[in-house]
Amino acid sequence: MKVYVDQDLCISCGLCISICEDVFTWNDDDKADAIEDEIPEELIDDVETAVESCPTEAIKYK
């Protein structure tokens, strides 16, 4: 599984980062961004929680 953050929808609330900082981080535009690599198996539940929790539905599956 891979995910990305739609930069046009991200409002920089940081919820995804607080849920799973191993996958999500701040980029140079102060918006959330996701790692490019395949999500490690042990983080999939946290990533799914972040996807479901995003207030603007900015996190998408690749």
N, C-alpha and C. Protein backbone atom coordinates (compact mmCIF):
# COMPACT_ATOMS: atom_id res chain seq x y z
N MET A 1 0.84 -1.17 0.00
CA MET A 1 0.00 0.00 0.00
C MET A 1 0.89 1.24 0.00
N LYS A 2 0.49 2.21 -0.80
CA LYS A 2 1.14 3.52 -0.81
C LYS A 2 0.06 4.59 -0.69
N VAL A 3 0.42 5.71 -0.10
CA VAL A 3 -0.52 6.82 0.03
C VAL A 3 0.18 8.12 -0.38
N TYR A 4 -0.64 9.11 -0.67
CA TYR A 4 -0.11 10.45 -0.92
C TYR A 4 -1.09 11.46 -0.36
N VAL A 5 -0.63 12.69 -0.18
CA VAL A 5 -1.47 13.76 0.33
C VAL A 5 -1.73 14.74 -0.81
N ASP A 6 -3.00 14.95 -1.13
CA ASP A 6 -3.38 15.92 -2.15
C ASP A 6 -3.12 17.31 -1.58
N GLN A 7 -2.13 17.98 -2.11
CA GLN A 7 -1.70 19.28 -1.59
C GLN A 7 -2.76 20.36 -1.75
N ASP A 8 -3.65 20.21 -2.70
CA ASP A 8 -4.72 21.20 -2.88
C ASP A 8 -5.80 21.07 -1.81
N LEU A 9 -5.91 19.89 -1.21
CA LEU A 9 -6.94 19.66 -0.19
C LEU A 9 -6.41 19.79 1.24
N CYS A 10 -5.11 19.61 1.41
CA CYS A 10 -4.52 19.64 2.75
C CYS A 10 -4.65 21.04 3.36
N ILE A 11 -5.12 21.08 4.62
CA ILE A 11 -5.27 22.35 5.33
C ILE A 11 -4.25 22.48 6.47
N SER A 12 -3.26 21.61 6.48
CA SER A 12 -2.16 21.67 7.46
C SER A 12 -2.62 21.50 8.90
N CYS A 13 -3.64 20.68 9.12
CA CYS A 13 -4.10 20.48 10.49
C CYS A 13 -3.15 19.59 11.29
N GLY A 14 -2.39 18.73 10.61
CA GLY A 14 -1.40 17.90 11.28
C GLY A 14 -1.93 16.64 11.93
N LEU A 15 -3.20 16.35 11.74
CA LEU A 15 -3.78 15.16 12.37
C LEU A 15 -3.11 13.88 11.90
N CYS A 16 -2.86 13.78 10.61
CA CYS A 16 -2.22 12.57 10.07
C CYS A 16 -0.82 12.39 10.66
N ILE A 17 -0.10 13.49 10.83
CA ILE A 17 1.24 13.42 11.39
C ILE A 17 1.19 12.98 12.85
N SER A 18 0.22 13.47 13.59
CA SER A 18 0.11 13.06 14.99
C SER A 18 -0.31 11.60 15.13
N ILE A 19 -1.03 11.09 14.14
CA ILE A 19 -1.47 9.69 14.17
C ILE A 19 -0.34 8.76 13.74
N CYS A 20 0.42 9.14 12.73
CA CYS A 20 1.45 8.25 12.16
C CYS A 20 2.64 9.04 11.62
N GLU A 21 3.48 9.49 12.52
CA GLU A 21 4.63 10.32 12.11
C GLU A 21 5.70 9.54 11.37
N ASP A 22 5.60 8.21 11.36
CA ASP A 22 6.56 7.42 10.57
C ASP A 22 6.24 7.46 9.08
N VAL A 23 5.02 7.86 8.73
CA VAL A 23 4.61 7.92 7.32
C VAL A 23 4.38 9.35 6.87
N PHE A 24 3.81 10.18 7.73
CA PHE A 24 3.47 11.55 7.35
C PHE A 24 4.41 12.55 8.02
N THR A 25 4.72 13.60 7.29
CA THR A 25 5.62 14.64 7.78
C THR A 25 5.24 15.97 7.14
N TRP A 26 5.83 17.05 7.63
CA TRP A 26 5.60 18.37 7.03
C TRP A 26 6.51 18.54 5.83
N ASN A 27 6.00 19.17 4.77
CA ASN A 27 6.86 19.48 3.62
C ASN A 27 7.27 20.95 3.68
N ASP A 28 7.96 21.42 2.67
CA ASP A 28 8.46 22.79 2.65
C ASP A 28 7.36 23.85 2.57
N ASP A 29 6.16 23.44 2.18
CA ASP A 29 5.02 24.36 2.11
C ASP A 29 4.17 24.31 3.37
N ASP A 30 4.69 23.67 4.42
CA ASP A 30 3.98 23.49 5.69
C ASP A 30 2.66 22.73 5.53
N LYS A 31 2.66 21.78 4.62
CA LYS A 31 1.52 20.89 4.45
C LYS A 31 2.01 19.47 4.69
N ALA A 32 1.09 18.58 4.97
CA ALA A 32 1.46 17.19 5.22
C ALA A 32 1.90 16.54 3.92
N ASP A 33 2.81 15.59 4.05
CA ASP A 33 3.28 14.82 2.92
C ASP A 33 3.52 13.39 3.42
N ALA A 34 3.48 12.44 2.52
CA ALA A 34 3.66 11.03 2.89
C ALA A 34 4.95 10.49 2.28
N ILE A 35 5.49 9.47 2.93
CA ILE A 35 6.69 8.83 2.39
C ILE A 35 6.35 8.22 1.03
N GLU A 36 7.34 8.10 0.18
CA GLU A 36 7.15 7.57 -1.17
C GLU A 36 7.13 6.04 -1.18
N ASP A 37 7.72 5.43 -0.17
CA ASP A 37 7.88 3.98 -0.13
C ASP A 37 6.57 3.26 0.20
N GLU A 38 6.61 1.98 0.01
CA GLU A 38 5.52 1.11 0.42
C GLU A 38 5.37 1.23 1.94
N ILE A 39 4.13 1.30 2.41
CA ILE A 39 3.87 1.42 3.84
C ILE A 39 4.21 0.10 4.52
N PRO A 40 5.05 0.13 5.57
CA PRO A 40 5.36 -1.11 6.29
C PRO A 40 4.09 -1.72 6.90
N GLU A 41 4.02 -3.02 6.89
CA GLU A 41 2.85 -3.76 7.37
C GLU A 41 2.40 -3.32 8.76
N GLU A 42 3.37 -3.08 9.64
CA GLU A 42 3.02 -2.73 11.03
C GLU A 42 2.42 -1.33 11.17
N LEU A 43 2.46 -0.52 10.11
CA LEU A 43 1.92 0.84 10.17
C LEU A 43 0.59 0.99 9.41
N ILE A 44 0.14 -0.06 8.77
CA ILE A 44 -1.06 0.04 7.93
C ILE A 44 -2.29 0.46 8.72
N ASP A 45 -2.49 -0.08 9.92
CA ASP A 45 -3.65 0.33 10.73
C ASP A 45 -3.62 1.81 11.06
N ASP A 46 -2.44 2.33 11.41
CA ASP A 46 -2.31 3.76 11.73
C ASP A 46 -2.56 4.62 10.49
N VAL A 47 -2.06 4.17 9.34
CA VAL A 47 -2.28 4.92 8.11
C VAL A 47 -3.76 4.95 7.76
N GLU A 48 -4.44 3.82 7.90
CA GLU A 48 -5.88 3.78 7.62
C GLU A 48 -6.64 4.69 8.57
N THR A 49 -6.22 4.77 9.83
CA THR A 49 -6.84 5.69 10.78
C THR A 49 -6.62 7.13 10.34
N ALA A 50 -5.42 7.44 9.86
CA ALA A 50 -5.12 8.79 9.38
C ALA A 50 -5.97 9.14 8.17
N VAL A 51 -6.11 8.20 7.25
CA VAL A 51 -6.94 8.42 6.06
C VAL A 51 -8.38 8.72 6.47
N GLU A 52 -8.92 7.92 7.37
CA GLU A 52 -10.30 8.09 7.82
C GLU A 52 -10.50 9.36 8.64
N SER A 53 -9.44 9.83 9.30
CA SER A 53 -9.54 10.99 10.19
C SER A 53 -9.32 12.32 9.50
N CYS A 54 -8.75 12.30 8.30
CA CYS A 54 -8.44 13.56 7.61
C CYS A 54 -9.72 14.36 7.35
N PRO A 55 -9.82 15.58 7.88
CA PRO A 55 -11.06 16.36 7.75
C PRO A 55 -11.38 16.78 6.32
N THR A 56 -10.39 16.81 5.44
CA THR A 56 -10.64 17.24 4.06
C THR A 56 -10.49 16.09 3.05
N GLU A 57 -10.28 14.87 3.57
CA GLU A 57 -10.09 13.69 2.73
C GLU A 57 -8.94 13.88 1.73
N ALA A 58 -7.86 14.52 2.22
CA ALA A 58 -6.72 14.82 1.37
C ALA A 58 -5.78 13.63 1.17
N ILE A 59 -5.87 12.63 2.02
CA ILE A 59 -4.97 11.48 1.93
C ILE A 59 -5.62 10.44 1.01
N LYS A 60 -4.87 10.07 -0.01
CA LYS A 60 -5.39 9.14 -1.04
C LYS A 60 -4.48 7.94 -1.14
N TYR A 61 -5.06 6.83 -1.55
CA TYR A 61 -4.28 5.62 -1.83
C TYR A 61 -3.75 5.69 -3.25
N LYS A 62 -2.52 5.23 -3.46
CA LYS A 62 -1.94 5.18 -4.80
C LYS A 62 -2.33 3.87 -5.44
